[in-house]
Each structure stands twice: as C-alpha cells, then as structure tokens.
C-alpha cells in the first residue's frame, strides 16, 4: 500500500463513517479523470466540450475537478457527443 492508502485506511479505522465519503470522492475523481481523457480524445477544450453538451463550462470544470457528479441527463449528452 502507498502512504496515502495507509493514511486513508487509518482514518477509516478511526472514523468508520468516513468510508462512504472516501468511496464517493474516489468515484468522483475516477469519473473526472475519464471525462478529461474523453474530452481530449475528441480534441475539445472545456469550453468547446460544454458548448457541444449545451451545458455551462463551469459544470465541466466542476466535474473534472471532482467537485460534483454529472446528472443522468449530462451523462447521456456526454455519451452522445463522445460516441462512447
């Protein structure tokens, strides 16, 4: 395990209720990284991608920062735009 993994595990052992929060954040970051990859694969900036999705650029920024999760509607738009 890495140092960070060890620290997270220790934190969870001391505060079991944090496990779901760590899991949620991990899922947000995993999706964020994949969204950045997809956006770059189609050669778009955040602004261009947002325009294709008909969404505010700040939404894309917040998702890519791991600060928020996309709505089901936005996920469908992403699938349509990226063909994935």
PDB file of N, CA and C in Angstrom:
ATOM      1  N   UNK A   1       0.833  -1.201   0.000  1.00  0.00           N
ATOM      2  CA  UNK A   1       0.000   0.000   0.000  1.00  0.00           C
ATOM      3  C   UNK A   1       0.870   1.254   0.000  1.00  0.00           C
ATOM      4  N   UNK A   2       0.346   2.294  -0.597  1.00  0.00           N
ATOM      5  CA  UNK A   2       1.066   3.557  -0.605  1.00  0.00           C
ATOM      6  C   UNK A   2       0.833   4.285   0.711  1.00  0.00           C
ATOM      7  N   UNK A   3       1.613   5.304   0.932  1.00  0.00           N
ATOM      8  CA  UNK A   3       1.456   6.111   2.141  1.00  0.00           C
ATOM      9  C   UNK A   3       0.046   6.681   2.231  1.00  0.00           C
ATOM     10  N   UNK A   4      -0.451   7.199   1.119  1.00  0.00           N
ATOM     11  CA  UNK A   4      -1.796   7.784   1.131  1.00  0.00           C
ATOM     12  C   UNK A   4      -2.838   6.721   1.444  1.00  0.00           C
ATOM     13  N   UNK A   5      -2.707   5.545   0.837  1.00  0.00           N
ATOM     14  CA  UNK A   5      -3.644   4.453   1.114  1.00  0.00           C
ATOM     15  C   UNK A   5      -3.619   4.074   2.587  1.00  0.00           C
ATOM     16  N   UNK A   6      -2.422   4.022   3.154  1.00  0.00           N
ATOM     17  CA  UNK A   6      -2.292   3.704   4.577  1.00  0.00           C
ATOM     18  C   UNK A   6      -2.959   4.763   5.449  1.00  0.00           C
ATOM     19  N   UNK A   7      -2.763   6.019   5.099  1.00  0.00           N
ATOM     20  CA  UNK A   7      -3.375   7.101   5.876  1.00  0.00           C
ATOM     21  C   UNK A   7      -4.898   7.067   5.774  1.00  0.00           C
ATOM     22  N   UNK A   8      -5.396   6.792   4.586  1.00  0.00           N
ATOM     23  CA  UNK A   8      -6.851   6.695   4.409  1.00  0.00           C
ATOM     24  C   UNK A   8      -7.396   5.528   5.221  1.00  0.00           C
ATOM     25  N   UNK A   9      -6.723   4.382   5.143  1.00  0.00           N
ATOM     26  CA  UNK A   9      -7.173   3.213   5.894  1.00  0.00           C
ATOM     27  C   UNK A   9      -7.170   3.496   7.395  1.00  0.00           C
ATOM     28  N   UNK A  10      -6.146   4.152   7.869  1.00  0.00           N
ATOM     29  CA  UNK A  10      -6.068   4.509   9.288  1.00  0.00           C
ATOM     30  C   UNK A  10      -7.199   5.460   9.664  1.00  0.00           C
ATOM     31  N   UNK A  11      -7.461   6.425   8.796  1.00  0.00           N
ATOM     32  CA  UNK A  11      -8.540   7.383   9.037  1.00  0.00           C
ATOM     33  C   UNK A  11      -9.887   6.665   9.123  1.00  0.00           C
ATOM     34  N   UNK A  12     -10.107   5.701   8.226  1.00  0.00           N
ATOM     35  CA  UNK A  12     -11.360   4.939   8.228  1.00  0.00           C
ATOM     36  C   UNK A  12     -11.469   4.088   9.488  1.00  0.00           C
ATOM     37  N   UNK A  13     -10.366   3.498   9.908  1.00  0.00           N
ATOM     38  CA  UNK A  13     -10.387   2.691  11.130  1.00  0.00           C
ATOM     39  C   UNK A  13     -10.743   3.541  12.341  1.00  0.00           C
ATOM     40  N   UNK A  14     -10.262   4.781  12.357  1.00  0.00           N
ATOM     41  CA  UNK A  14     -10.562   5.683  13.469  1.00  0.00           C
ATOM     42  C   UNK A  14     -11.954   6.299  13.361  1.00  0.00           C
ATOM     43  N   UNK A  15     -12.456   6.427  12.131  1.00  0.00           N
ATOM     44  CA  UNK A  15     -13.761   7.044  11.885  1.00  0.00           C
ATOM     45  C   UNK A  15     -14.479   6.248  10.799  1.00  0.00           C
ATOM     46  N   UNK A  16     -15.106   5.122  11.135  1.00  0.00           N
ATOM     47  CA  UNK A  16     -15.716   4.249  10.132  1.00  0.00           C
ATOM     48  C   UNK A  16     -16.725   4.947   9.210  1.00  0.00           C
ATOM     49  N   UNK A  17     -17.369   5.987   9.698  1.00  0.00           N
ATOM     50  CA  UNK A  17     -18.355   6.689   8.865  1.00  0.00           C
ATOM     51  C   UNK A  17     -17.704   7.401   7.677  1.00  0.00           C
ATOM     52  N   UNK A  18     -16.391   7.561   7.706  1.00  0.00           N
ATOM     53  CA  UNK A  18     -15.690   8.222   6.605  1.00  0.00           C
ATOM     54  C   UNK A  18     -15.521   7.323   5.379  1.00  0.00           C
ATOM     55  N   UNK A  19     -15.714   6.027   5.558  1.00  0.00           N
ATOM     56  CA  UNK A  19     -15.500   5.106   4.438  1.00  0.00           C
ATOM     57  C   UNK A  19     -16.372   5.462   3.233  1.00  0.00           C
ATOM     58  N   UNK A  20     -17.639   5.755   3.463  1.00  0.00           N
ATOM     59  CA  UNK A  20     -18.519   6.093   2.339  1.00  0.00           C
ATOM     60  C   UNK A  20     -18.110   7.409   1.690  1.00  0.00           C
ATOM     61  N   UNK A  21     -17.608   8.349   2.482  1.00  0.00           N
ATOM     62  CA  UNK A  21     -17.157   9.622   1.919  1.00  0.00           C
ATOM     63  C   UNK A  21     -15.918   9.432   1.044  1.00  0.00           C
ATOM     64  N   UNK A  22     -14.982   8.617   1.513  1.00  0.00           N
ATOM     65  CA  UNK A  22     -13.790   8.330   0.705  1.00  0.00           C
ATOM     66  C   UNK A  22     -14.174   7.618  -0.590  1.00  0.00           C
ATOM     67  N   UNK A  23     -15.106   6.678  -0.494  1.00  0.00           N
ATOM     68  CA  UNK A  23     -15.541   5.944  -1.681  1.00  0.00           C
ATOM     69  C   UNK A  23     -16.193   6.892  -2.682  1.00  0.00           C
ATOM     70  N   UNK A  24     -17.052   7.767  -2.200  1.00  0.00           N
ATOM     71  CA  UNK A  24     -17.720   8.726  -3.086  1.00  0.00           C
ATOM     72  C   UNK A  24     -16.706   9.640  -3.766  1.00  0.00           C
ATOM     73  N   UNK A  25     -15.746  10.127  -3.005  1.00  0.00           N
ATOM     74  CA  UNK A  25     -14.727  11.006  -3.582  1.00  0.00           C
ATOM     75  C   UNK A  25     -13.875  10.256  -4.604  1.00  0.00           C
ATOM     76  N   UNK A  26     -13.571   9.014  -4.309  1.00  0.00           N
ATOM     77  CA  UNK A  26     -12.799   8.194  -5.240  1.00  0.00           C
ATOM     78  C   UNK A  26     -13.558   8.017  -6.554  1.00  0.00           C
ATOM     79  N   UNK A  27     -14.857   7.773  -6.467  1.00  0.00           N
ATOM     80  CA  UNK A  27     -15.682   7.631  -7.668  1.00  0.00           C
ATOM     81  C   UNK A  27     -15.726   8.938  -8.455  1.00  0.00           C
ATOM     82  N   UNK A  28     -15.853  10.060  -7.752  1.00  0.00           N
ATOM     83  CA  UNK A  28     -15.873  11.365  -8.423  1.00  0.00           C
ATOM     84  C   UNK A  28     -14.572  11.604  -9.180  1.00  0.00           C
ATOM     85  N   UNK A  29     -13.453  11.306  -8.538  1.00  0.00           N
ATOM     86  CA  UNK A  29     -12.154  11.539  -9.172  1.00  0.00           C
ATOM     87  C   UNK A  29     -11.910  10.585 -10.338  1.00  0.00           C
ATOM     88  N   UNK A  30     -12.353   9.354 -10.193  1.00  0.00           N
ATOM     89  CA  UNK A  30     -12.205   8.391 -11.288  1.00  0.00           C
ATOM     90  C   UNK A  30     -13.003   8.855 -12.508  1.00  0.00           C
ATOM     91  N   UNK A  31     -14.235   9.301 -12.278  1.00  0.00           N
ATOM     92  CA  UNK A  31     -15.039   9.811 -13.390  1.00  0.00           C
ATOM     93  C   UNK A  31     -14.399  11.063 -13.971  1.00  0.00           C
ATOM     94  N   UNK A  32     -13.888  11.928 -13.112  1.00  0.00           N
ATOM     95  CA  UNK A  32     -13.257  13.172 -13.572  1.00  0.00           C
ATOM     96  C   UNK A  32     -12.094  12.874 -14.519  1.00  0.00           C
ATOM     97  N   UNK A  33     -11.257  11.928 -14.145  1.00  0.00           N
ATOM     98  CA  UNK A  33     -10.106  11.584 -14.989  1.00  0.00           C
ATOM     99  C   UNK A  33     -10.562  11.022 -16.331  1.00  0.00           C
ATOM    100  N   UNK A  34     -11.584  10.200 -16.314  1.00  0.00           N
ATOM    101  CA  UNK A  34     -12.094   9.626 -17.565  1.00  0.00           C
ATOM    102  C   UNK A  34     -12.716  10.705 -18.444  1.00  0.00           C
ATOM    103  N   UNK A  35     -13.419  11.656 -17.837  1.00  0.00           N
ATOM    104  CA  UNK A  35     -14.027  12.736 -18.613  1.00  0.00           C
ATOM    105  C   UNK A  35     -12.955  13.587 -19.288  1.00  0.00           C
ATOM    106  N   UNK A  36     -11.886  13.885 -18.577  1.00  0.00           N
ATOM    107  CA  UNK A  36     -10.779  14.650 -19.170  1.00  0.00           C
ATOM    108  C   UNK A  36     -10.213  13.881 -20.364  1.00  0.00           C
ATOM    109  N   UNK A  37     -10.007  12.575 -20.208  1.00  0.00           N
ATOM    110  CA  UNK A  37      -9.493  11.752 -21.311  1.00  0.00           C
ATOM    111  C   UNK A  37     -10.421  11.797 -22.518  1.00  0.00           C
ATOM    112  N   UNK A  38     -11.714  11.624 -22.274  1.00  0.00           N
ATOM    113  CA  UNK A  38     -12.689  11.645 -23.368  1.00  0.00           C
ATOM    114  C   UNK A  38     -12.700  12.993 -24.076  1.00  0.00           C
ATOM    115  N   UNK A  39     -12.694  14.052 -23.288  1.00  0.00           N
ATOM    116  CA  UNK A  39     -12.724  15.407 -23.857  1.00  0.00           C
ATOM    117  C   UNK A  39     -11.498  15.641 -24.731  1.00  0.00           C
ATOM    118  N   UNK A  40     -10.344  15.214 -24.241  1.00  0.00           N
ATOM    119  CA  UNK A  40      -9.111  15.399 -25.011  1.00  0.00           C
ATOM    120  C   UNK A  40      -9.088  14.510 -26.254  1.00  0.00           C
ATOM    121  N   UNK A  41      -9.656  13.307 -26.152  1.00  0.00           N
ATOM    122  CA  UNK A  41      -9.720  12.401 -27.307  1.00  0.00           C
ATOM    123  C   UNK A  41     -10.458  13.043 -28.473  1.00  0.00           C
ATOM    124  N   UNK A  42     -11.493  13.823 -28.168  1.00  0.00           N
ATOM    125  CA  UNK A  42     -12.247  14.459 -29.254  1.00  0.00           C
ATOM    126  C   UNK A  42     -11.713  15.856 -29.562  1.00  0.00           C
ATOM    127  N   UNK A  43     -10.620  16.232 -28.893  1.00  0.00           N
ATOM    128  CA  UNK A  43      -9.920  17.474 -29.209  1.00  0.00           C
ATOM    129  C   UNK A  43     -10.627  18.745 -28.785  1.00  0.00           C
ATOM    130  N   UNK A  44     -11.297  18.703 -27.652  1.00  0.00           N
ATOM    131  CA  UNK A  44     -12.050  19.872 -27.183  1.00  0.00           C
ATOM    132  C   UNK A  44     -11.454  20.469 -25.918  1.00  0.00           C
ATOM    133  N   UNK A  45     -11.555  21.776 -25.825  1.00  0.00           N
ATOM    134  CA  UNK A  45     -11.294  22.454 -24.557  1.00  0.00           C
ATOM    135  C   UNK A  45     -12.544  22.255 -23.694  1.00  0.00           C
ATOM    136  N   UNK A  46     -12.461  22.625 -22.438  1.00  0.00           N
ATOM    137  CA  UNK A  46     -13.651  22.552 -21.584  1.00  0.00           C
ATOM    138  C   UNK A  46     -14.785  23.383 -22.179  1.00  0.00           C
ATOM    139  N   UNK A  47     -14.447  24.566 -22.651  1.00  0.00           N
ATOM    140  CA  UNK A  47     -15.465  25.463 -23.207  1.00  0.00           C
ATOM    141  C   UNK A  47     -16.119  24.840 -24.442  1.00  0.00           C
ATOM    142  N   UNK A  48     -15.306  24.303 -25.341  1.00  0.00           N
ATOM    143  CA  UNK A  48     -15.843  23.678 -26.554  1.00  0.00           C
ATOM    144  C   UNK A  48     -16.707  22.464 -26.214  1.00  0.00           C
ATOM    145  N   UNK A  49     -16.233  21.674 -25.259  1.00  0.00           N
ATOM    146  CA  UNK A  49     -16.975  20.483 -24.844  1.00  0.00           C
ATOM    147  C   UNK A  49     -18.314  20.883 -24.243  1.00  0.00           C
ATOM    148  N   UNK A  50     -18.291  21.892 -23.401  1.00  0.00           N
ATOM    149  CA  UNK A  50     -19.527  22.383 -22.786  1.00  0.00           C
ATOM    150  C   UNK A  50     -20.507  22.856 -23.856  1.00  0.00           C
ATOM    151  N   UNK A  51     -20.010  23.545 -24.861  1.00  0.00           N
ATOM    152  CA  UNK A  51     -20.880  24.010 -25.944  1.00  0.00           C
ATOM    153  C   UNK A  51     -21.518  22.832 -26.677  1.00  0.00           C
ATOM    154  N   UNK A  52     -20.743  21.795 -26.937  1.00  0.00           N
ATOM    155  CA  UNK A  52     -21.286  20.603 -27.603  1.00  0.00           C
ATOM    156  C   UNK A  52     -22.361  19.940 -26.746  1.00  0.00           C
ATOM    157  N   UNK A  53     -22.162  20.001 -25.425  1.00  0.00           N
ATOM    158  CA  UNK A  53     -23.112  19.388 -24.497  1.00  0.00           C
ATOM    159  C   UNK A  53     -24.280  20.314 -24.162  1.00  0.00           C
ATOM    160  N   UNK A  54     -24.170  21.563 -24.624  1.00  0.00           N
ATOM    161  CA  UNK A  54     -25.155  22.596 -24.277  1.00  0.00           C
ATOM    162  C   UNK A  54     -25.276  22.725 -22.761  1.00  0.00           C
ATOM    163  N   UNK A  55     -24.112  22.811 -22.134  1.00  0.00           N
ATOM    164  CA  UNK A  55     -24.016  22.934 -20.675  1.00  0.00           C
ATOM    165  C   UNK A  55     -23.042  24.055 -20.345  1.00  0.00           C
ATOM    166  N   UNK A  56     -23.165  24.643 -19.159  1.00  0.00           N
ATOM    167  CA  UNK A  56     -22.201  25.669 -18.756  1.00  0.00           C
ATOM    168  C   UNK A  56     -20.797  25.074 -18.598  1.00  0.00           C
ATOM    169  N   UNK A  57     -19.799  25.833 -18.985  1.00  0.00           N
ATOM    170  CA  UNK A  57     -18.412  25.378 -18.858  1.00  0.00           C
ATOM    171  C   UNK A  57     -18.075  25.090 -17.405  1.00  0.00           C
ATOM    172  N   UNK A  58     -18.671  25.832 -16.480  1.00  0.00           N
ATOM    173  CA  UNK A  58     -18.383  25.621 -15.055  1.00  0.00           C
ATOM    174  C   UNK A  58     -18.796  24.226 -14.592  1.00  0.00           C
ATOM    175  N   UNK A  59     -19.826  23.660 -15.216  1.00  0.00           N
ATOM    176  CA  UNK A  59     -20.237  22.295 -14.868  1.00  0.00           C
ATOM    177  C   UNK A  59     -19.127  21.310 -15.241  1.00  0.00           C
ATOM    178  N   UNK A  60     -18.578  21.462 -16.440  1.00  0.00           N
ATOM    179  CA  UNK A  60     -17.489  20.584 -16.883  1.00  0.00           C
ATOM    180  C   UNK A  60     -16.289  20.758 -15.960  1.00  0.00           C
ATOM    181  N   UNK A  61     -15.973  21.999 -15.644  1.00  0.00           N
ATOM    182  CA  UNK A  61     -14.853  22.287 -14.743  1.00  0.00           C
ATOM    183  C   UNK A  61     -15.059  21.617 -13.389  1.00  0.00           C
ATOM    184  N   UNK A  62     -16.250  21.757 -12.823  1.00  0.00           N
ATOM    185  CA  UNK A  62     -16.523  21.179 -11.502  1.00  0.00           C
ATOM    186  C   UNK A  62     -16.465  19.654 -11.521  1.00  0.00           C
ATOM    187  N   UNK A  63     -16.953  19.057 -12.592  1.00  0.00           N
ATOM    188  CA  UNK A  63     -16.886  17.595 -12.704  1.00  0.00           C
ATOM    189  C   UNK A  63     -15.433  17.151 -12.835  1.00  0.00           C
ATOM    190  N   UNK A  64     -14.682  17.836 -13.689  1.00  0.00           N
ATOM    191  CA  UNK A  64     -13.279  17.461 -13.892  1.00  0.00           C
ATOM    192  C   UNK A  64     -12.426  17.703 -12.651  1.00  0.00           C
ATOM    193  N   UNK A  65     -12.845  18.600 -11.796  1.00  0.00           N
ATOM    194  CA  UNK A  65     -12.138  18.833 -10.538  1.00  0.00           C
ATOM    195  C   UNK A  65     -12.561  17.841  -9.461  1.00  0.00           C
ATOM    196  N   UNK A  66     -13.549  17.015  -9.761  1.00  0.00           N
ATOM    197  CA  UNK A  66     -14.044  16.052  -8.784  1.00  0.00           C
ATOM    198  C   UNK A  66     -14.948  16.678  -7.749  1.00  0.00           C
ATOM    199  N   UNK A  67     -15.421  17.895  -8.031  1.00  0.00           N
ATOM    200  CA  UNK A  67     -16.245  18.623  -7.064  1.00  0.00           C
ATOM    201  C   UNK A  67     -17.718  18.265  -7.133  1.00  0.00           C
ATOM    202  N   UNK A  68     -18.148  17.723  -8.259  1.00  0.00           N
ATOM    203  CA  UNK A  68     -19.563  17.399  -8.424  1.00  0.00           C
ATOM    204  C   UNK A  68     -19.709  16.193  -9.332  1.00  0.00           C
ATOM    205  N   UNK A  69     -20.862  15.574  -9.252  1.00  0.00           N
ATOM    206  CA  UNK A  69     -21.178  14.437 -10.112  1.00  0.00           C
ATOM    207  C   UNK A  69     -22.090  14.908 -11.237  1.00  0.00           C
ATOM    208  N   UNK A  70     -21.958  14.301 -12.400  1.00  0.00           N
ATOM    209  CA  UNK A  70     -22.838  14.685 -13.502  1.00  0.00           C
ATOM    210  C   UNK A  70     -24.249  14.136 -13.298  1.00  0.00           C
ATOM    211  N   UNK A  71     -25.215  14.844 -13.837  1.00  0.00           N
ATOM    212  CA  UNK A  71     -26.592  14.355 -13.809  1.00  0.00           C
ATOM    213  C   UNK A  71     -26.743  13.260 -14.861  1.00  0.00           C
ATOM    214  N   UNK A  72     -27.817  12.509 -14.769  1.00  0.00           N
ATOM    215  CA  UNK A  72     -28.080  11.466 -15.760  1.00  0.00           C
ATOM    216  C   UNK A  72     -28.246  12.089 -17.144  1.00  0.00           C
ATOM    217  N   UNK A  73     -28.882  13.229 -17.199  1.00  0.00           N
ATOM    218  CA  UNK A  73     -29.067  13.934 -18.469  1.00  0.00           C
ATOM    219  C   UNK A  73     -27.721  14.301 -19.090  1.00  0.00           C
ATOM    220  N   UNK A  74     -26.807  14.800 -18.272  1.00  0.00           N
ATOM    221  CA  UNK A  74     -25.488  15.173 -18.781  1.00  0.00           C
ATOM    222  C   UNK A  74     -24.704  13.933 -19.210  1.00  0.00           C
ATOM    223  N   UNK A  75     -24.839  12.847 -18.469  1.00  0.00           N
ATOM    224  CA  UNK A  75     -24.167  11.599 -18.855  1.00  0.00           C
ATOM    225  C   UNK A  75     -24.636  11.133 -20.234  1.00  0.00           C
ATOM    226  N   UNK A  76     -25.936  11.257 -20.488  1.00  0.00           N
ATOM    227  CA  UNK A  76     -26.467  10.880 -21.802  1.00  0.00           C
ATOM    228  C   UNK A  76     -25.899  11.783 -22.888  1.00  0.00           C
ATOM    229  N   UNK A  77     -25.806  13.071 -22.603  1.00  0.00           N
ATOM    230  CA  UNK A  77     -25.236  14.013 -23.572  1.00  0.00           C
ATOM    231  C   UNK A  77     -23.773  13.693 -23.849  1.00  0.00           C
ATOM    232  N   UNK A  78     -23.025  13.370 -22.800  1.00  0.00           N
ATOM    233  CA  UNK A  78     -21.611  13.009 -22.958  1.00  0.00           C
ATOM    234  C   UNK A  78     -21.487  11.772 -23.842  1.00  0.00           C
ATOM    235  N   UNK A  79     -22.332  10.779 -23.595  1.00  0.00           N
ATOM    236  CA  UNK A  79     -22.304   9.558 -24.407  1.00  0.00           C
ATOM    237  C   UNK A  79     -22.612   9.873 -25.870  1.00  0.00           C
ATOM    238  N   UNK A  80     -23.582  10.738 -26.108  1.00  0.00           N
ATOM    239  CA  UNK A  80     -23.940  11.095 -27.485  1.00  0.00           C
ATOM    240  C   UNK A  80     -22.813  11.853 -28.181  1.00  0.00           C
ATOM    241  N   UNK A  81     -22.207  12.798 -27.477  1.00  0.00           N
ATOM    242  CA  UNK A  81     -21.151  13.627 -28.068  1.00  0.00           C
ATOM    243  C   UNK A  81     -19.883  12.819 -28.315  1.00  0.00           C
ATOM    244  N   UNK A  82     -19.518  11.974 -27.374  1.00  0.00           N
ATOM    245  CA  UNK A  82     -18.261  11.218 -27.489  1.00  0.00           C
ATOM    246  C   UNK A  82     -18.429   9.889 -28.218  1.00  0.00           C
ATOM    247  N   UNK A  83     -19.679   9.495 -28.429  1.00  0.00           N
ATOM    248  CA  UNK A  83     -19.984   8.196 -29.070  1.00  0.00           C
ATOM    249  C   UNK A  83     -19.444   7.028 -28.248  1.00  0.00           C
ATOM    250  N   UNK A  84     -19.404   7.218 -26.933  1.00  0.00           N
ATOM    251  CA  UNK A  84     -18.903   6.165 -26.031  1.00  0.00           C
ATOM    252  C   UNK A  84     -19.929   5.872 -24.967  1.00  0.00           C
TER     253      UNK A  84
END
